[in-house]
Amino acid sequence: MKAAKIIEMWSRASRQIPHTSDDDIVQMFANEIAKLSYKLTDEELYRLIAVGALVYQRGFREFDGTIMADLLIRTLREGGRA
């Protein structure tokens, strides 16, 4: 499935899902990665964990993690392992 389709699905689903806390979102994402982890290569798993770290960091802005988030984003865009 292409990323554009996933984003479209998120957009439609977001209208139906009740508001959740940042902690809930992080926990749900971690649970889903855990269920898939045995199917993923180390590279794929680390990339999902890096994206999860970005979600976590953005949700908890009281910690100054902007530099780390920017590094993760740059690494992922360049196709590297975080």
PDB file of N, CA and C in Angstrom:
ATOM      1  N   MET A   1       0.842  -1.167   0.000  1.00  0.00           N
ATOM      2  CA  MET A   1       0.000   0.000   0.000  1.00  0.00           C
ATOM      3  C   MET A   1       0.893   1.237   0.000  1.00  0.00           C
ATOM      4  N   LYS A   2       0.503   2.214  -0.776  1.00  0.00           N
ATOM      5  CA  LYS A   2       1.294   3.436  -0.881  1.00  0.00           C
ATOM      6  C   LYS A   2       1.008   4.377   0.285  1.00  0.00           C
ATOM      7  N   ALA A   3       2.003   5.222   0.597  1.00  0.00           N
ATOM      8  CA  ALA A   3       1.885   6.155   1.717  1.00  0.00           C
ATOM      9  C   ALA A   3       0.684   7.086   1.561  1.00  0.00           C
ATOM     10  N   ALA A   4       0.417   7.552   0.343  1.00  0.00           N
ATOM     11  CA  ALA A   4      -0.714   8.463   0.120  1.00  0.00           C
ATOM     12  C   ALA A   4      -2.033   7.800   0.522  1.00  0.00           C
ATOM     13  N   LYS A   5      -2.178   6.515   0.228  1.00  0.00           N
ATOM     14  CA  LYS A   5      -3.389   5.782   0.589  1.00  0.00           C
ATOM     15  C   LYS A   5      -3.502   5.655   2.106  1.00  0.00           C
ATOM     16  N   ILE A   6      -2.390   5.407   2.767  1.00  0.00           N
ATOM     17  CA  ILE A   6      -2.387   5.298   4.225  1.00  0.00           C
ATOM     18  C   ILE A   6      -2.788   6.629   4.843  1.00  0.00           C
ATOM     19  N   ILE A   7      -2.257   7.716   4.333  1.00  0.00           N
ATOM     20  CA  ILE A   7      -2.605   9.042   4.853  1.00  0.00           C
ATOM     21  C   ILE A   7      -4.092   9.323   4.640  1.00  0.00           C
ATOM     22  N   GLU A   8      -4.594   8.951   3.482  1.00  0.00           N
ATOM     23  CA  GLU A   8      -6.028   9.124   3.208  1.00  0.00           C
ATOM     24  C   GLU A   8      -6.869   8.324   4.215  1.00  0.00           C
ATOM     25  N   MET A   9      -6.450   7.110   4.500  1.00  0.00           N
ATOM     26  CA  MET A   9      -7.169   6.276   5.465  1.00  0.00           C
ATOM     27  C   MET A   9      -7.099   6.879   6.863  1.00  0.00           C
ATOM     28  N   TRP A  10      -5.931   7.408   7.232  1.00  0.00           N
ATOM     29  CA  TRP A  10      -5.806   8.077   8.533  1.00  0.00           C
ATOM     30  C   TRP A  10      -6.773   9.236   8.626  1.00  0.00           C
ATOM     31  N   SER A  11      -6.848  10.009   7.555  1.00  0.00           N
ATOM     32  CA  SER A  11      -7.715  11.179   7.544  1.00  0.00           C
ATOM     33  C   SER A  11      -9.173  10.771   7.762  1.00  0.00           C
ATOM     34  N   ARG A  12      -9.615   9.753   7.055  1.00  0.00           N
ATOM     35  CA  ARG A  12     -11.001   9.293   7.209  1.00  0.00           C
ATOM     36  C   ARG A  12     -11.233   8.707   8.595  1.00  0.00           C
ATOM     37  N   ALA A  13     -10.309   7.904   9.070  1.00  0.00           N
ATOM     38  CA  ALA A  13     -10.468   7.254  10.372  1.00  0.00           C
ATOM     39  C   ALA A  13     -10.408   8.250  11.519  1.00  0.00           C
ATOM     40  N   SER A  14      -9.623   9.309  11.360  1.00  0.00           N
ATOM     41  CA  SER A  14      -9.448  10.267  12.454  1.00  0.00           C
ATOM     42  C   SER A  14     -10.753  10.963  12.820  1.00  0.00           C
ATOM     43  N   ARG A  15     -11.678  11.035  11.883  1.00  0.00           N
ATOM     44  CA  ARG A  15     -12.973  11.670  12.162  1.00  0.00           C
ATOM     45  C   ARG A  15     -13.864  10.780  13.020  1.00  0.00           C
ATOM     46  N   GLN A  16     -13.550   9.501  13.088  1.00  0.00           N
ATOM     47  CA  GLN A  16     -14.397   8.539  13.792  1.00  0.00           C
ATOM     48  C   GLN A  16     -13.833   8.116  15.143  1.00  0.00           C
ATOM     49  N   ILE A  17     -12.590   8.426  15.391  1.00  0.00           N
ATOM     50  CA  ILE A  17     -11.919   7.970  16.606  1.00  0.00           C
ATOM     51  C   ILE A  17     -12.011   9.046  17.682  1.00  0.00           C
ATOM     52  N   PRO A  18     -12.375   8.654  18.901  1.00  0.00           N
ATOM     53  CA  PRO A  18     -12.421   9.656  19.987  1.00  0.00           C
ATOM     54  C   PRO A  18     -11.017  10.172  20.300  1.00  0.00           C
ATOM     55  N   HIS A  19     -10.951  11.359  20.859  1.00  0.00           N
ATOM     56  CA  HIS A  19      -9.661  11.940  21.226  1.00  0.00           C
ATOM     57  C   HIS A  19      -8.991  11.073  22.286  1.00  0.00           C
ATOM     58  N   THR A  20      -7.694  10.901  22.125  1.00  0.00           N
ATOM     59  CA  THR A  20      -6.913  10.099  23.061  1.00  0.00           C
ATOM     60  C   THR A  20      -5.725  10.911  23.543  1.00  0.00           C
ATOM     61  N   SER A  21      -5.161  10.477  24.644  1.00  0.00           N
ATOM     62  CA  SER A  21      -3.984  11.168  25.177  1.00  0.00           C
ATOM     63  C   SER A  21      -2.740  10.758  24.395  1.00  0.00           C
ATOM     64  N   ASP A  22      -1.692  11.546  24.560  1.00  0.00           N
ATOM     65  CA  ASP A  22      -0.414  11.205  23.923  1.00  0.00           C
ATOM     66  C   ASP A  22       0.086   9.852  24.413  1.00  0.00           C
ATOM     67  N   ASP A  23      -0.089   9.587  25.707  1.00  0.00           N
ATOM     68  CA  ASP A  23       0.339   8.302  26.260  1.00  0.00           C
ATOM     69  C   ASP A  23      -0.404   7.143  25.598  1.00  0.00           C
ATOM     70  N   ASP A  24      -1.703   7.332  25.352  1.00  0.00           N
ATOM     71  CA  ASP A  24      -2.497   6.283  24.703  1.00  0.00           C
ATOM     72  C   ASP A  24      -1.983   6.005  23.292  1.00  0.00           C
ATOM     73  N   ILE A  25      -1.687   7.066  22.565  1.00  0.00           N
ATOM     74  CA  ILE A  25      -1.213   6.920  21.183  1.00  0.00           C
ATOM     75  C   ILE A  25       0.126   6.191  21.144  1.00  0.00           C
ATOM     76  N   VAL A  26       1.023   6.584  22.021  1.00  0.00           N
ATOM     77  CA  VAL A  26       2.338   5.933  22.078  1.00  0.00           C
ATOM     78  C   VAL A  26       2.175   4.451  22.416  1.00  0.00           C
ATOM     79  N   GLN A  27       1.314   4.150  23.379  1.00  0.00           N
ATOM     80  CA  GLN A  27       1.097   2.764  23.779  1.00  0.00           C
ATOM     81  C   GLN A  27       0.485   1.945  22.647  1.00  0.00           C
ATOM     82  N   MET A  28      -0.492   2.509  21.949  1.00  0.00           N
ATOM     83  CA  MET A  28      -1.119   1.794  20.833  1.00  0.00           C
ATOM     84  C   MET A  28      -0.112   1.521  19.722  1.00  0.00           C
ATOM     85  N   PHE A  29       0.706   2.518  19.397  1.00  0.00           N
ATOM     86  CA  PHE A  29       1.704   2.341  18.336  1.00  0.00           C
ATOM     87  C   PHE A  29       2.712   1.269  18.731  1.00  0.00           C
ATOM     88  N   ALA A  30       3.170   1.310  19.980  1.00  0.00           N
ATOM     89  CA  ALA A  30       4.127   0.308  20.458  1.00  0.00           C
ATOM     90  C   ALA A  30       3.518  -1.095  20.409  1.00  0.00           C
ATOM     91  N   ASN A  31       2.248  -1.219  20.775  1.00  0.00           N
ATOM     92  CA  ASN A  31       1.578  -2.523  20.724  1.00  0.00           C
ATOM     93  C   ASN A  31       1.519  -3.058  19.304  1.00  0.00           C
ATOM     94  N   GLU A  32       1.212  -2.187  18.349  1.00  0.00           N
ATOM     95  CA  GLU A  32       1.119  -2.630  16.957  1.00  0.00           C
ATOM     96  C   GLU A  32       2.481  -3.018  16.396  1.00  0.00           C
ATOM     97  N   ILE A  33       3.508  -2.269  16.731  1.00  0.00           N
ATOM     98  CA  ILE A  33       4.862  -2.632  16.283  1.00  0.00           C
ATOM     99  C   ILE A  33       5.266  -3.971  16.896  1.00  0.00           C
ATOM    100  N   ALA A  34       4.954  -4.161  18.174  1.00  0.00           N
ATOM    101  CA  ALA A  34       5.306  -5.416  18.841  1.00  0.00           C
ATOM    102  C   ALA A  34       4.662  -6.611  18.134  1.00  0.00           C
ATOM    103  N   LYS A  35       3.410  -6.457  17.702  1.00  0.00           N
ATOM    104  CA  LYS A  35       2.719  -7.547  17.004  1.00  0.00           C
ATOM    105  C   LYS A  35       3.378  -7.879  15.663  1.00  0.00           C
ATOM    106  N   LEU A  36       3.946  -6.870  15.009  1.00  0.00           N
ATOM    107  CA  LEU A  36       4.558  -7.057  13.693  1.00  0.00           C
ATOM    108  C   LEU A  36       6.051  -7.356  13.747  1.00  0.00           C
ATOM    109  N   SER A  37       6.667  -7.121  14.869  1.00  0.00           N
ATOM    110  CA  SER A  37       8.134  -7.109  14.938  1.00  0.00           C
ATOM    111  C   SER A  37       8.781  -8.389  14.433  1.00  0.00           C
ATOM    112  N   TYR A  38       8.162  -9.534  14.658  1.00  0.00           N
ATOM    113  CA  TYR A  38       8.779 -10.786  14.207  1.00  0.00           C
ATOM    114  C   TYR A  38       8.788 -10.920  12.683  1.00  0.00           C
ATOM    115  N   LYS A  39       7.960 -10.131  11.995  1.00  0.00           N
ATOM    116  CA  LYS A  39       7.886 -10.180  10.531  1.00  0.00           C
ATOM    117  C   LYS A  39       8.853  -9.206   9.859  1.00  0.00           C
ATOM    118  N   LEU A  40       9.433  -8.320  10.650  1.00  0.00           N
ATOM    119  CA  LEU A  40      10.246  -7.233  10.101  1.00  0.00           C
ATOM    120  C   LEU A  40      11.733  -7.541  10.170  1.00  0.00           C
ATOM    121  N   THR A  41      12.466  -6.981   9.228  1.00  0.00           N
ATOM    122  CA  THR A  41      13.921  -7.033   9.338  1.00  0.00           C
ATOM    123  C   THR A  41      14.334  -6.062  10.443  1.00  0.00           C
ATOM    124  N   ASP A  42      15.555  -6.178  10.901  1.00  0.00           N
ATOM    125  CA  ASP A  42      16.044  -5.228  11.904  1.00  0.00           C
ATOM    126  C   ASP A  42      15.934  -3.798  11.391  1.00  0.00           C
ATOM    127  N   GLU A  43      16.267  -3.611  10.121  1.00  0.00           N
ATOM    128  CA  GLU A  43      16.225  -2.274   9.512  1.00  0.00           C
ATOM    129  C   GLU A  43      14.797  -1.713   9.549  1.00  0.00           C
ATOM    130  N   GLU A  44      13.824  -2.511   9.156  1.00  0.00           N
ATOM    131  CA  GLU A  44      12.425  -2.063   9.162  1.00  0.00           C
ATOM    132  C   GLU A  44      11.950  -1.762  10.579  1.00  0.00           C
ATOM    133  N   LEU A  45      12.318  -2.614  11.511  1.00  0.00           N
ATOM    134  CA  LEU A  45      11.924  -2.414  12.905  1.00  0.00           C
ATOM    135  C   LEU A  45      12.528  -1.134  13.475  1.00  0.00           C
ATOM    136  N   TYR A  46      13.804  -0.910  13.227  1.00  0.00           N
ATOM    137  CA  TYR A  46      14.458   0.296  13.744  1.00  0.00           C
ATOM    138  C   TYR A  46      13.861   1.566  13.135  1.00  0.00           C
ATOM    139  N   ARG A  47      13.467   1.496  11.862  1.00  0.00           N
ATOM    140  CA  ARG A  47      12.848   2.665  11.224  1.00  0.00           C
ATOM    141  C   ARG A  47      11.488   2.962  11.842  1.00  0.00           C
ATOM    142  N   LEU A  48      10.695   1.937  12.124  1.00  0.00           N
ATOM    143  CA  LEU A  48       9.410   2.159  12.793  1.00  0.00           C
ATOM    144  C   LEU A  48       9.616   2.703  14.206  1.00  0.00           C
ATOM    145  N   ILE A  49      10.605   2.183  14.891  1.00  0.00           N
ATOM    146  CA  ILE A  49      10.904   2.684  16.234  1.00  0.00           C
ATOM    147  C   ILE A  49      11.333   4.145  16.158  1.00  0.00           C
ATOM    148  N   ALA A  50      12.101   4.499  15.140  1.00  0.00           N
ATOM    149  CA  ALA A  50      12.521   5.900  14.977  1.00  0.00           C
ATOM    150  C   ALA A  50      11.311   6.804  14.749  1.00  0.00           C
ATOM    151  N   VAL A  51      10.375   6.362  13.925  1.00  0.00           N
ATOM    152  CA  VAL A  51       9.162   7.151  13.696  1.00  0.00           C
ATOM    153  C   VAL A  51       8.367   7.251  14.999  1.00  0.00           C
ATOM    154  N   GLY A  52       8.274   6.169  15.728  1.00  0.00           N
ATOM    155  CA  GLY A  52       7.602   6.199  17.025  1.00  0.00           C
ATOM    156  C   GLY A  52       8.266   7.161  17.989  1.00  0.00           C
ATOM    157  N   ALA A  53       9.584   7.234  17.936  1.00  0.00           N
ATOM    158  CA  ALA A  53      10.303   8.182  18.787  1.00  0.00           C
ATOM    159  C   ALA A  53       9.952   9.618  18.423  1.00  0.00           C
ATOM    160  N   LEU A  54       9.750   9.878  17.147  1.00  0.00           N
ATOM    161  CA  LEU A  54       9.338  11.216  16.713  1.00  0.00           C
ATOM    162  C   LEU A  54       7.944  11.551  17.230  1.00  0.00           C
ATOM    163  N   VAL A  55       7.037  10.596  17.145  1.00  0.00           N
ATOM    164  CA  VAL A  55       5.686  10.801  17.667  1.00  0.00           C
ATOM    165  C   VAL A  55       5.751  11.068  19.167  1.00  0.00           C
ATOM    166  N   TYR A  56       6.537  10.273  19.851  1.00  0.00           N
ATOM    167  CA  TYR A  56       6.700  10.428  21.297  1.00  0.00           C
ATOM    168  C   TYR A  56       7.262  11.805  21.641  1.00  0.00           C
ATOM    169  N   GLN A  57       8.300  12.192  20.920  1.00  0.00           N
ATOM    170  CA  GLN A  57       8.948  13.480  21.193  1.00  0.00           C
ATOM    171  C   GLN A  57       7.993  14.636  20.934  1.00  0.00           C
ATOM    172  N   ARG A  58       7.255  14.587  19.847  1.00  0.00           N
ATOM    173  CA  ARG A  58       6.320  15.662  19.518  1.00  0.00           C
ATOM    174  C   ARG A  58       5.208  15.748  20.540  1.00  0.00           C
ATOM    175  N   GLY A  59       4.824  14.615  21.101  1.00  0.00           N
ATOM    176  CA  GLY A  59       3.759  14.599  22.091  1.00  0.00           C
ATOM    177  C   GLY A  59       4.181  15.112  23.454  1.00  0.00           C
ATOM    178  N   PHE A  60       5.448  15.109  23.713  1.00  0.00           N
ATOM    179  CA  PHE A  60       5.963  15.525  25.014  1.00  0.00           C
ATOM    180  C   PHE A  60       6.948  16.676  24.831  1.00  0.00           C
ATOM    181  N   ARG A  61       6.429  17.776  24.362  1.00  0.00           N
ATOM    182  CA  ARG A  61       7.258  18.931  24.012  1.00  0.00           C
ATOM    183  C   ARG A  61       7.959  19.588  25.196  1.00  0.00           C
ATOM    184  N   GLU A  62       7.548  19.269  26.415  1.00  0.00           N
ATOM    185  CA  GLU A  62       8.215  19.897  27.552  1.00  0.00           C
ATOM    186  C   GLU A  62       9.670  19.474  27.670  1.00  0.00           C
ATOM    187  N   PHE A  63      10.009  18.356  26.986  1.00  0.00           N
ATOM    188  CA  PHE A  63      11.403  17.946  26.941  1.00  0.00           C
ATOM    189  C   PHE A  63      12.024  18.545  25.696  1.00  0.00           C
ATOM    190  N   ASP A  64      13.216  19.054  25.789  1.00  0.00           N
ATOM    191  CA  ASP A  64      13.855  19.691  24.650  1.00  0.00           C
ATOM    192  C   ASP A  64      14.534  18.635  23.794  1.00  0.00           C
ATOM    193  N   GLY A  65      13.759  18.012  22.927  1.00  0.00           N
ATOM    194  CA  GLY A  65      14.293  16.968  22.068  1.00  0.00           C
ATOM    195  C   GLY A  65      14.296  17.371  20.611  1.00  0.00           C
ATOM    196  N   THR A  66      14.178  18.640  20.333  1.00  0.00           N
ATOM    197  CA  THR A  66      14.070  19.116  18.964  1.00  0.00           C
ATOM    198  C   THR A  66      15.271  18.699  18.123  1.00  0.00           C
ATOM    199  N   ILE A  67      16.444  18.803  18.656  1.00  0.00           N
ATOM    200  CA  ILE A  67      17.648  18.454  17.903  1.00  0.00           C
ATOM    201  C   ILE A  67      17.625  16.970  17.552  1.00  0.00           C
ATOM    202  N   MET A  68      17.249  16.112  18.504  1.00  0.00           N
ATOM    203  CA  MET A  68      17.189  14.676  18.249  1.00  0.00           C
ATOM    204  C   MET A  68      16.104  14.373  17.219  1.00  0.00           C
ATOM    205  N   ALA A  69      14.961  15.022  17.319  1.00  0.00           N
ATOM    206  CA  ALA A  69      13.881  14.791  16.353  1.00  0.00           C
ATOM    207  C   ALA A  69      14.333  15.180  14.956  1.00  0.00           C
ATOM    208  N   ASP A  70      14.991  16.307  14.825  1.00  0.00           N
ATOM    209  CA  ASP A  70      15.476  16.741  13.519  1.00  0.00           C
ATOM    210  C   ASP A  70      16.482  15.752  12.948  1.00  0.00           C
ATOM    211  N   LEU A  71      17.350  15.213  13.798  1.00  0.00           N
ATOM    212  CA  LEU A  71      18.320  14.216  13.352  1.00  0.00           C
ATOM    213  C   LEU A  71      17.612  12.944  12.879  1.00  0.00           C
ATOM    214  N   LEU A  72      16.600  12.493  13.624  1.00  0.00           N
ATOM    215  CA  LEU A  72      15.856  11.303  13.222  1.00  0.00           C
ATOM    216  C   LEU A  72      15.159  11.511  11.885  1.00  0.00           C
ATOM    217  N   ILE A  73      14.532  12.663  11.718  1.00  0.00           N
ATOM    218  CA  ILE A  73      13.843  12.963  10.467  1.00  0.00           C
ATOM    219  C   ILE A  73      14.823  12.952   9.306  1.00  0.00           C
ATOM    220  N   ARG A  74      15.956  13.605   9.470  1.00  0.00           N
ATOM    221  CA  ARG A  74      16.962  13.658   8.414  1.00  0.00           C
ATOM    222  C   ARG A  74      17.462  12.250   8.082  1.00  0.00           C
ATOM    223  N   THR A  75      17.716  11.447   9.105  1.00  0.00           N
ATOM    224  CA  THR A  75      18.204  10.088   8.897  1.00  0.00           C
ATOM    225  C   THR A  75      17.184   9.253   8.135  1.00  0.00           C
ATOM    226  N   LEU A  76      15.916   9.361   8.519  1.00  0.00           N
ATOM    227  CA  LEU A  76      14.875   8.582   7.850  1.00  0.00           C
ATOM    228  C   LEU A  76      14.696   9.027   6.404  1.00  0.00           C
ATOM    229  N   ARG A  77      14.752  10.318   6.161  1.00  0.00           N
ATOM    230  CA  ARG A  77      14.593  10.807   4.782  1.00  0.00           C
ATOM    231  C   ARG A  77      15.732  10.339   3.890  1.00  0.00           C
ATOM    232  N   GLU A  78      16.907  10.193   4.481  1.00  0.00           N
ATOM    233  CA  GLU A  78      18.064   9.747   3.719  1.00  0.00           C
ATOM    234  C   GLU A  78      18.116   8.227   3.586  1.00  0.00           C
ATOM    235  N   GLY A  79      17.123   7.555   4.176  1.00  0.00           N
ATOM    236  CA  GLY A  79      17.050   6.104   4.054  1.00  0.00           C
ATOM    237  C   GLY A  79      17.943   5.347   5.008  1.00  0.00           C
ATOM    238  N   GLY A  80      18.491   6.044   5.985  1.00  0.00           N
ATOM    239  CA  GLY A  80      19.388   5.386   6.931  1.00  0.00           C
ATOM    240  C   GLY A  80      18.673   4.824   8.123  1.00  0.00           C
ATOM    241  N   ARG A  81      19.438   4.192   8.945  1.00  0.00           N
ATOM    242  CA  ARG A  81      18.922   3.582  10.173  1.00  0.00           C
ATOM    243  C   ARG A  81      19.128   4.549  11.310  1.00  0.00           C
ATOM    244  N   ALA A  82      18.086   4.775  12.073  1.00  0.00           N
ATOM    245  CA  ALA A  82      18.166   5.727  13.193  1.00  0.00           C
ATOM    246  C   ALA A  82      18.921   5.127  14.347  1.00  0.00           C
TER     247      ALA A  82
END
